[in-house]
Amino acid sequence: MDPDEERARVEAAKRAGAEQAERELAADASRISAERDELQKKLADVEDQIEAAKKEASEATERMLRLQADWDNYRRRTAAERLAEKERAAEKLVTNLLPVIDDIERAIEHAGATEEDAQLKQFVDGVSAVHAKMLGVLAKEGVEPIDPVGEPFEPLAHQAVGRVEDKEAFDETVAQVYQKGYKMGDKVIRAAMVTVTYGGPKRPAEEE
């Protein structure tokens, strides 16, 4: 074979090999690029899923905190409502008992003003004991009588039913109590019915 022809064949083979290598390299590069794009897409999808999961977790946490706050508010509200209901029931019971206490006190006062015999005294002593027990029970519930003879008139705790001239007592002093009042804790549940003085000196400011 002619040497030139042989060289031409060799060169042709080299070129063919180089072209084949280039094609394979290009194919590999294309495949790698496609795989890279696919991986980037998957990575982006994973990042989106992570962000979605974070958002969902944050929303779930917020919902849980709101539910917890709502539950706490509900417990506080119902506890306050139960306490208020209990206080209203106790106040109603005490208010209903006050006329009974008034009647007992009038009976004791009337019996004391009459001529006593042994039987009557025994009866009065028994009624007085019952009266004392009732007041003791009420005191345990925070109920206190308002019996303000000689004290300054207090519009929030006293109800004036008359005025009495007294030049020696300070003006607006309780002269007489016709019906005792009562308070439960800090709340006046019945004002005392009183007469109030006038015509006397003005009460010093520090005593008002």
C-alpha atoms as a PDB file:
ATOM      1  CA  MET A   1       0.000   0.000   0.000  1.00  0.00           C
ATOM      2  CA  ASP A   2       1.149   3.440  -0.881  1.00  0.00           C
ATOM      3  CA  PRO A   3       2.603   5.197   2.183  1.00  0.00           C
ATOM      4  CA  ASP A   4       0.631   8.311   1.452  1.00  0.00           C
ATOM      5  CA  GLU A   5      -2.548   6.304   1.279  1.00  0.00           C
ATOM      6  CA  GLU A   6      -1.651   4.616   4.550  1.00  0.00           C
ATOM      7  CA  ARG A   7      -1.080   7.963   6.216  1.00  0.00           C
ATOM      8  CA  ALA A   8      -4.358   9.220   4.822  1.00  0.00           C
ATOM      9  CA  ARG A   9      -6.171   6.225   6.331  1.00  0.00           C
ATOM     10  CA  VAL A  10      -4.487   6.782   9.669  1.00  0.00           C
ATOM     11  CA  GLU A  11      -5.392  10.460   9.654  1.00  0.00           C
ATOM     12  CA  ALA A  12      -8.943   9.607   8.677  1.00  0.00           C
ATOM     13  CA  ALA A  13      -9.139   7.110  11.532  1.00  0.00           C
ATOM     14  CA  LYS A  14      -7.769   9.679  13.940  1.00  0.00           C
ATOM     15  CA  ARG A  15     -10.290  12.241  12.789  1.00  0.00           C
ATOM     16  CA  ALA A  16     -13.083   9.706  13.055  1.00  0.00           C
ATOM     17  CA  GLY A  17     -11.943   8.794  16.572  1.00  0.00           C
ATOM     18  CA  ALA A  18     -11.677  12.422  17.560  1.00  0.00           C
ATOM     19  CA  GLU A  19     -15.116  13.177  16.170  1.00  0.00           C
ATOM     20  CA  GLN A  20     -16.539  10.147  17.978  1.00  0.00           C
ATOM     21  CA  ALA A  21     -14.875  11.272  21.189  1.00  0.00           C
ATOM     22  CA  GLU A  22     -16.262  14.774  20.718  1.00  0.00           C
ATOM     23  CA  ARG A  23     -19.748  13.385  20.127  1.00  0.00           C
ATOM     24  CA  GLU A  24     -19.498  11.179  23.214  1.00  0.00           C
ATOM     25  CA  LEU A  25     -18.129  14.081  25.237  1.00  0.00           C
ATOM     26  CA  ALA A  26     -20.939  16.314  24.003  1.00  0.00           C
ATOM     27  CA  ALA A  27     -23.466  13.603  24.853  1.00  0.00           C
ATOM     28  CA  ASP A  28     -21.945  13.214  28.328  1.00  0.00           C
ATOM     29  CA  ALA A  29     -21.971  16.968  28.806  1.00  0.00           C
ATOM     30  CA  SER A  30     -25.599  17.136  27.705  1.00  0.00           C
ATOM     31  CA  ARG A  31     -26.514  14.263  30.017  1.00  0.00           C
ATOM     32  CA  ILE A  32     -24.647  15.832  32.922  1.00  0.00           C
ATOM     33  CA  SER A  33     -26.317  19.173  32.231  1.00  0.00           C
ATOM     34  CA  ALA A  34     -29.730  17.502  32.142  1.00  0.00           C
ATOM     35  CA  GLU A  35     -28.980  15.637  35.388  1.00  0.00           C
ATOM     36  CA  ARG A  36     -27.791  18.888  36.956  1.00  0.00           C
ATOM     37  CA  ASP A  37     -30.955  20.651  35.863  1.00  0.00           C
ATOM     38  CA  GLU A  38     -33.023  17.781  37.232  1.00  0.00           C
ATOM     39  CA  LEU A  39     -31.140  17.894  40.545  1.00  0.00           C
ATOM     40  CA  GLN A  40     -31.574  21.667  40.739  1.00  0.00           C
ATOM     41  CA  LYS A  41     -35.287  21.247  40.081  1.00  0.00           C
ATOM     42  CA  LYS A  42     -35.537  18.556  42.760  1.00  0.00           C
ATOM     43  CA  LEU A  43     -33.555  20.763  45.152  1.00  0.00           C
ATOM     44  CA  ALA A  44     -35.885  23.672  44.438  1.00  0.00           C
ATOM     45  CA  ASP A  45     -38.872  21.381  45.037  1.00  0.00           C
ATOM     46  CA  VAL A  46     -37.357  20.203  48.321  1.00  0.00           C
ATOM     47  CA  GLU A  47     -36.722  23.810  49.383  1.00  0.00           C
ATOM     48  CA  ASP A  48     -40.324  24.681  48.505  1.00  0.00           C
ATOM     49  CA  GLN A  49     -41.507  21.704  50.543  1.00  0.00           C
ATOM     50  CA  ILE A  50     -39.316  22.777  53.455  1.00  0.00           C
ATOM     51  CA  GLU A  51     -40.709  26.331  53.320  1.00  0.00           C
ATOM     52  CA  ALA A  52     -44.250  24.967  53.073  1.00  0.00           C
ATOM     53  CA  ALA A  53     -43.585  22.684  56.044  1.00  0.00           C
ATOM     54  CA  LYS A  54     -42.129  25.606  58.024  1.00  0.00           C
ATOM     55  CA  LYS A  55     -45.166  27.748  57.189  1.00  0.00           C
ATOM     56  CA  GLU A  56     -47.557  24.956  58.126  1.00  0.00           C
ATOM     57  CA  ALA A  57     -45.688  24.354  61.388  1.00  0.00           C
ATOM     58  CA  SER A  58     -45.767  28.083  62.170  1.00  0.00           C
ATOM     59  CA  GLU A  59     -49.501  28.270  61.433  1.00  0.00           C
ATOM     60  CA  ALA A  60     -50.113  25.167  63.543  1.00  0.00           C
ATOM     61  CA  THR A  61     -48.144  26.733  66.408  1.00  0.00           C
ATOM     62  CA  GLU A  62     -50.151  29.945  66.111  1.00  0.00           C
ATOM     63  CA  ARG A  63     -53.406  27.991  66.098  1.00  0.00           C
ATOM     64  CA  MET A  64     -52.282  26.053  69.159  1.00  0.00           C
ATOM     65  CA  LEU A  65     -51.333  29.270  70.975  1.00  0.00           C
ATOM     66  CA  ARG A  66     -54.682  30.843  70.071  1.00  0.00           C
ATOM     67  CA  LEU A  67     -56.532  27.757  71.274  1.00  0.00           C
ATOM     68  CA  GLN A  68     -54.528  27.780  74.503  1.00  0.00           C
ATOM     69  CA  ALA A  69     -55.266  31.485  74.998  1.00  0.00           C
ATOM     70  CA  ASP A  70     -58.957  30.912  74.255  1.00  0.00           C
ATOM     71  CA  TRP A  71     -59.026  28.036  76.737  1.00  0.00           C
ATOM     72  CA  ASP A  72     -57.293  30.099  79.420  1.00  0.00           C
ATOM     73  CA  ASN A  73     -59.720  32.974  78.837  1.00  0.00           C
ATOM     74  CA  TYR A  74     -62.651  30.558  78.979  1.00  0.00           C
ATOM     75  CA  ARG A  75     -61.447  29.080  82.273  1.00  0.00           C
ATOM     76  CA  ARG A  76     -60.916  32.524  83.784  1.00  0.00           C
ATOM     77  CA  ARG A  77     -64.286  33.743  82.515  1.00  0.00           C
ATOM     78  CA  THR A  78     -66.189  30.700  83.760  1.00  0.00           C
ATOM     79  CA  ALA A  79     -64.367  30.840  87.105  1.00  0.00           C
ATOM     80  CA  ALA A  80     -65.287  34.517  87.445  1.00  0.00           C
ATOM     81  CA  GLU A  81     -68.881  33.759  86.431  1.00  0.00           C
ATOM     82  CA  ARG A  82     -69.115  30.933  88.969  1.00  0.00           C
ATOM     83  CA  LEU A  83     -67.704  33.179  91.686  1.00  0.00           C
ATOM     84  CA  ALA A  84     -70.099  35.994  90.764  1.00  0.00           C
ATOM     85  CA  GLU A  85     -73.015  33.553  90.727  1.00  0.00           C
ATOM     86  CA  LYS A  86     -72.003  32.209  94.131  1.00  0.00           C
ATOM     87  CA  GLU A  87     -71.738  35.740  95.510  1.00  0.00           C
ATOM     88  CA  ARG A  88     -75.142  36.671  94.074  1.00  0.00           C
ATOM     89  CA  ALA A  89     -76.720  33.562  95.596  1.00  0.00           C
ATOM     90  CA  ALA A  90     -75.126  34.278  98.986  1.00  0.00           C
ATOM     91  CA  GLU A  91     -76.205  37.914  98.820  1.00  0.00           C
ATOM     92  CA  LYS A  92     -79.772  36.909  97.941  1.00  0.00           C
ATOM     93  CA  LEU A  93     -79.884  34.450 100.839  1.00  0.00           C
ATOM     94  CA  VAL A  94     -78.559  37.032 103.286  1.00  0.00           C
ATOM     95  CA  THR A  95     -80.972  39.673 101.974  1.00  0.00           C
ATOM     96  CA  ASN A  96     -83.868  37.281 102.535  1.00  0.00           C
ATOM     97  CA  LEU A  97     -82.664  36.581 106.085  1.00  0.00           C
ATOM     98  CA  LEU A  98     -82.393  40.231 107.122  1.00  0.00           C
ATOM     99  CA  PRO A  99     -86.160  40.750 107.718  1.00  0.00           C
ATOM    100  CA  VAL A 100     -86.131  37.639 109.914  1.00  0.00           C
ATOM    101  CA  ILE A 101     -83.253  39.078 111.942  1.00  0.00           C
ATOM    102  CA  ASP A 102     -85.140  42.381 112.199  1.00  0.00           C
ATOM    103  CA  ASP A 103     -88.198  40.566 113.553  1.00  0.00           C
ATOM    104  CA  ILE A 104     -86.101  38.653 116.094  1.00  0.00           C
ATOM    105  CA  GLU A 105     -84.433  41.862 117.282  1.00  0.00           C
ATOM    106  CA  ARG A 106     -87.795  43.623 117.622  1.00  0.00           C
ATOM    107  CA  ALA A 107     -89.167  40.644 119.556  1.00  0.00           C
ATOM    108  CA  ILE A 108     -86.181  40.676 121.922  1.00  0.00           C
ATOM    109  CA  GLU A 109     -86.487  44.441 122.388  1.00  0.00           C
ATOM    110  CA  HIS A 110     -90.232  44.237 123.007  1.00  0.00           C
ATOM    111  CA  ALA A 111     -89.860  41.357 125.469  1.00  0.00           C
ATOM    112  CA  GLY A 112     -87.177  43.253 127.332  1.00  0.00           C
ATOM    113  CA  ALA A 113     -89.485  46.227 127.710  1.00  0.00           C
ATOM    114  CA  THR A 114     -92.257  44.164 129.297  1.00  0.00           C
ATOM    115  CA  GLU A 115     -92.479  42.817 132.803  1.00  0.00           C
ATOM    116  CA  GLU A 116     -90.497  39.623 132.771  1.00  0.00           C
ATOM    117  CA  ASP A 117     -91.320  36.351 134.451  1.00  0.00           C
ATOM    118  CA  ALA A 118     -89.171  33.240 134.549  1.00  0.00           C
ATOM    119  CA  GLN A 119     -90.749  31.633 131.507  1.00  0.00           C
ATOM    120  CA  LEU A 120     -90.544  34.788 129.440  1.00  0.00           C
ATOM    121  CA  LYS A 121     -86.917  35.333 130.398  1.00  0.00           C
ATOM    122  CA  GLN A 122     -86.090  31.765 129.406  1.00  0.00           C
ATOM    123  CA  PHE A 123     -87.824  32.287 126.068  1.00  0.00           C
ATOM    124  CA  VAL A 124     -86.018  35.586 125.439  1.00  0.00           C
ATOM    125  CA  ASP A 125     -82.690  34.009 126.331  1.00  0.00           C
ATOM    126  CA  GLY A 126     -83.335  31.228 123.814  1.00  0.00           C
ATOM    127  CA  VAL A 127     -84.298  33.680 121.083  1.00  0.00           C
ATOM    128  CA  SER A 128     -81.237  35.798 121.877  1.00  0.00           C
ATOM    129  CA  ALA A 129     -79.016  32.733 121.547  1.00  0.00           C
ATOM    130  CA  VAL A 130     -80.523  31.944 118.140  1.00  0.00           C
ATOM    131  CA  HIS A 131     -80.035  35.571 117.119  1.00  0.00           C
ATOM    132  CA  ALA A 132     -76.390  35.495 118.185  1.00  0.00           C
ATOM    133  CA  LYS A 133     -75.797  32.281 116.244  1.00  0.00           C
ATOM    134  CA  MET A 134     -77.366  33.750 113.115  1.00  0.00           C
ATOM    135  CA  LEU A 135     -75.165  36.830 113.346  1.00  0.00           C
ATOM    136  CA  GLY A 136     -72.145  34.586 113.882  1.00  0.00           C
ATOM    137  CA  VAL A 137     -72.922  32.591 110.747  1.00  0.00           C
ATOM    138  CA  LEU A 138     -73.384  35.783 108.751  1.00  0.00           C
ATOM    139  CA  ALA A 139     -70.139  37.198 110.126  1.00  0.00           C
ATOM    140  CA  LYS A 140     -68.280  34.145 108.797  1.00  0.00           C
ATOM    141  CA  GLU A 141     -69.663  35.035 105.354  1.00  0.00           C
ATOM    142  CA  GLY A 142     -68.321  38.574 105.675  1.00  0.00           C
ATOM    143  CA  VAL A 143     -71.661  40.139 106.656  1.00  0.00           C
ATOM    144  CA  GLU A 144     -71.457  43.015 109.140  1.00  0.00           C
ATOM    145  CA  PRO A 145     -74.228  45.218 110.579  1.00  0.00           C
ATOM    146  CA  ILE A 146     -74.259  48.964 109.950  1.00  0.00           C
ATOM    147  CA  ASP A 147     -75.372  50.623 113.196  1.00  0.00           C
ATOM    148  CA  PRO A 148     -73.958  54.145 112.891  1.00  0.00           C
ATOM    149  CA  VAL A 149     -75.406  56.115 115.824  1.00  0.00           C
ATOM    150  CA  GLY A 150     -73.167  59.143 116.439  1.00  0.00           C
ATOM    151  CA  GLU A 151     -71.216  58.639 113.234  1.00  0.00           C
ATOM    152  CA  PRO A 152     -71.060  61.004 110.248  1.00  0.00           C
ATOM    153  CA  PHE A 153     -73.840  60.448 107.713  1.00  0.00           C
ATOM    154  CA  GLU A 154     -72.638  58.363 104.751  1.00  0.00           C
ATOM    155  CA  PRO A 155     -74.975  58.531 101.724  1.00  0.00           C
ATOM    156  CA  LEU A 156     -73.666  55.241 100.353  1.00  0.00           C
ATOM    157  CA  ALA A 157     -74.366  53.327 103.574  1.00  0.00           C
ATOM    158  CA  HIS A 158     -77.153  55.309 105.233  1.00  0.00           C
ATOM    159  CA  GLN A 159     -80.661  56.262 104.136  1.00  0.00           C
ATOM    160  CA  ALA A 160     -81.934  59.425 105.816  1.00  0.00           C
ATOM    161  CA  VAL A 161     -85.608  59.138 106.770  1.00  0.00           C
ATOM    162  CA  GLY A 162     -85.768  62.273 108.899  1.00  0.00           C
ATOM    163  CA  ARG A 163     -83.852  65.231 110.328  1.00  0.00           C
ATOM    164  CA  VAL A 164     -83.425  66.144 113.982  1.00  0.00           C
ATOM    165  CA  GLU A 165     -82.299  69.544 115.237  1.00  0.00           C
ATOM    166  CA  ASP A 166     -79.351  69.254 117.601  1.00  0.00           C
ATOM    167  CA  LYS A 167     -77.256  72.345 118.307  1.00  0.00           C
ATOM    168  CA  GLU A 168     -74.571  70.396 120.136  1.00  0.00           C
ATOM    169  CA  ALA A 169     -73.910  67.591 117.636  1.00  0.00           C
ATOM    170  CA  PHE A 170     -72.085  68.199 114.391  1.00  0.00           C
ATOM    171  CA  ASP A 171     -74.298  68.683 111.372  1.00  0.00           C
ATOM    172  CA  GLU A 172     -75.006  65.527 109.371  1.00  0.00           C
ATOM    173  CA  THR A 173     -74.501  63.195 112.338  1.00  0.00           C
ATOM    174  CA  VAL A 174     -76.610  60.046 112.649  1.00  0.00           C
ATOM    175  CA  ALA A 175     -78.960  60.675 115.569  1.00  0.00           C
ATOM    176  CA  GLN A 176     -81.008  57.494 115.559  1.00  0.00           C
ATOM    177  CA  VAL A 177     -81.104  54.208 113.648  1.00  0.00           C
ATOM    178  CA  TYR A 178     -84.590  52.972 112.769  1.00  0.00           C
ATOM    179  CA  GLN A 179     -83.340  49.941 110.906  1.00  0.00           C
ATOM    180  CA  LYS A 180     -79.795  48.625 110.870  1.00  0.00           C
ATOM    181  CA  GLY A 181     -78.064  48.252 107.561  1.00  0.00           C
ATOM    182  CA  TYR A 182     -75.744  45.468 106.479  1.00  0.00           C
ATOM    183  CA  LYS A 183     -72.732  45.120 104.261  1.00  0.00           C
ATOM    184  CA  MET A 184     -71.232  42.000 102.757  1.00  0.00           C
ATOM    185  CA  GLY A 185     -67.525  42.466 102.304  1.00  0.00           C
ATOM    186  CA  ASP A 186     -67.177  45.959 100.867  1.00  0.00           C
ATOM    187  CA  LYS A 187     -70.670  45.994  99.347  1.00  0.00           C
ATOM    188  CA  VAL A 188     -73.614  47.564 101.141  1.00  0.00           C
ATOM    189  CA  ILE A 189     -76.521  45.161 100.688  1.00  0.00           C
ATOM    190  CA  ARG A 190     -78.931  47.234 102.773  1.00  0.00           C
ATOM    191  CA  ALA A 191     -78.516  50.830 103.845  1.00  0.00           C
ATOM    192  CA  ALA A 192     -79.253  51.768 107.439  1.00  0.00           C
ATOM    193  CA  MET A 193     -82.425  53.856 107.872  1.00  0.00           C
ATOM    194  CA  VAL A 194     -81.440  56.816 110.046  1.00  0.00           C
ATOM    195  CA  THR A 195     -82.286  60.319 111.195  1.00  0.00           C
ATOM    196  CA  VAL A 196     -79.663  63.004 110.709  1.00  0.00           C
ATOM    197  CA  THR A 197     -78.888  66.067 112.823  1.00  0.00           C
ATOM    198  CA  TYR A 198     -78.886  69.681 111.698  1.00  0.00           C
ATOM    199  CA  GLY A 199     -78.477  73.085 113.358  1.00  0.00           C
ATOM    200  CA  GLY A 200     -75.184  72.267 115.046  1.00  0.00           C
ATOM    201  CA  PRO A 201     -71.576  73.197 114.253  1.00  0.00           C
ATOM    202  CA  LYS A 202     -70.010  72.141 110.975  1.00  0.00           C
ATOM    203  CA  ARG A 203     -67.970  68.970 111.248  1.00  0.00           C
ATOM    204  CA  PRO A 204     -64.190  69.542 110.960  1.00  0.00           C
ATOM    205  CA  ALA A 205     -62.853  68.587 107.538  1.00  0.00           C
ATOM    206  CA  GLU A 206     -60.586  65.822 108.870  1.00  0.00           C
ATOM    207  CA  GLU A 207     -63.598  64.085 110.426  1.00  0.00           C
ATOM    208  CA  GLU A 208     -65.774  64.209 107.302  1.00  0.00           C
END
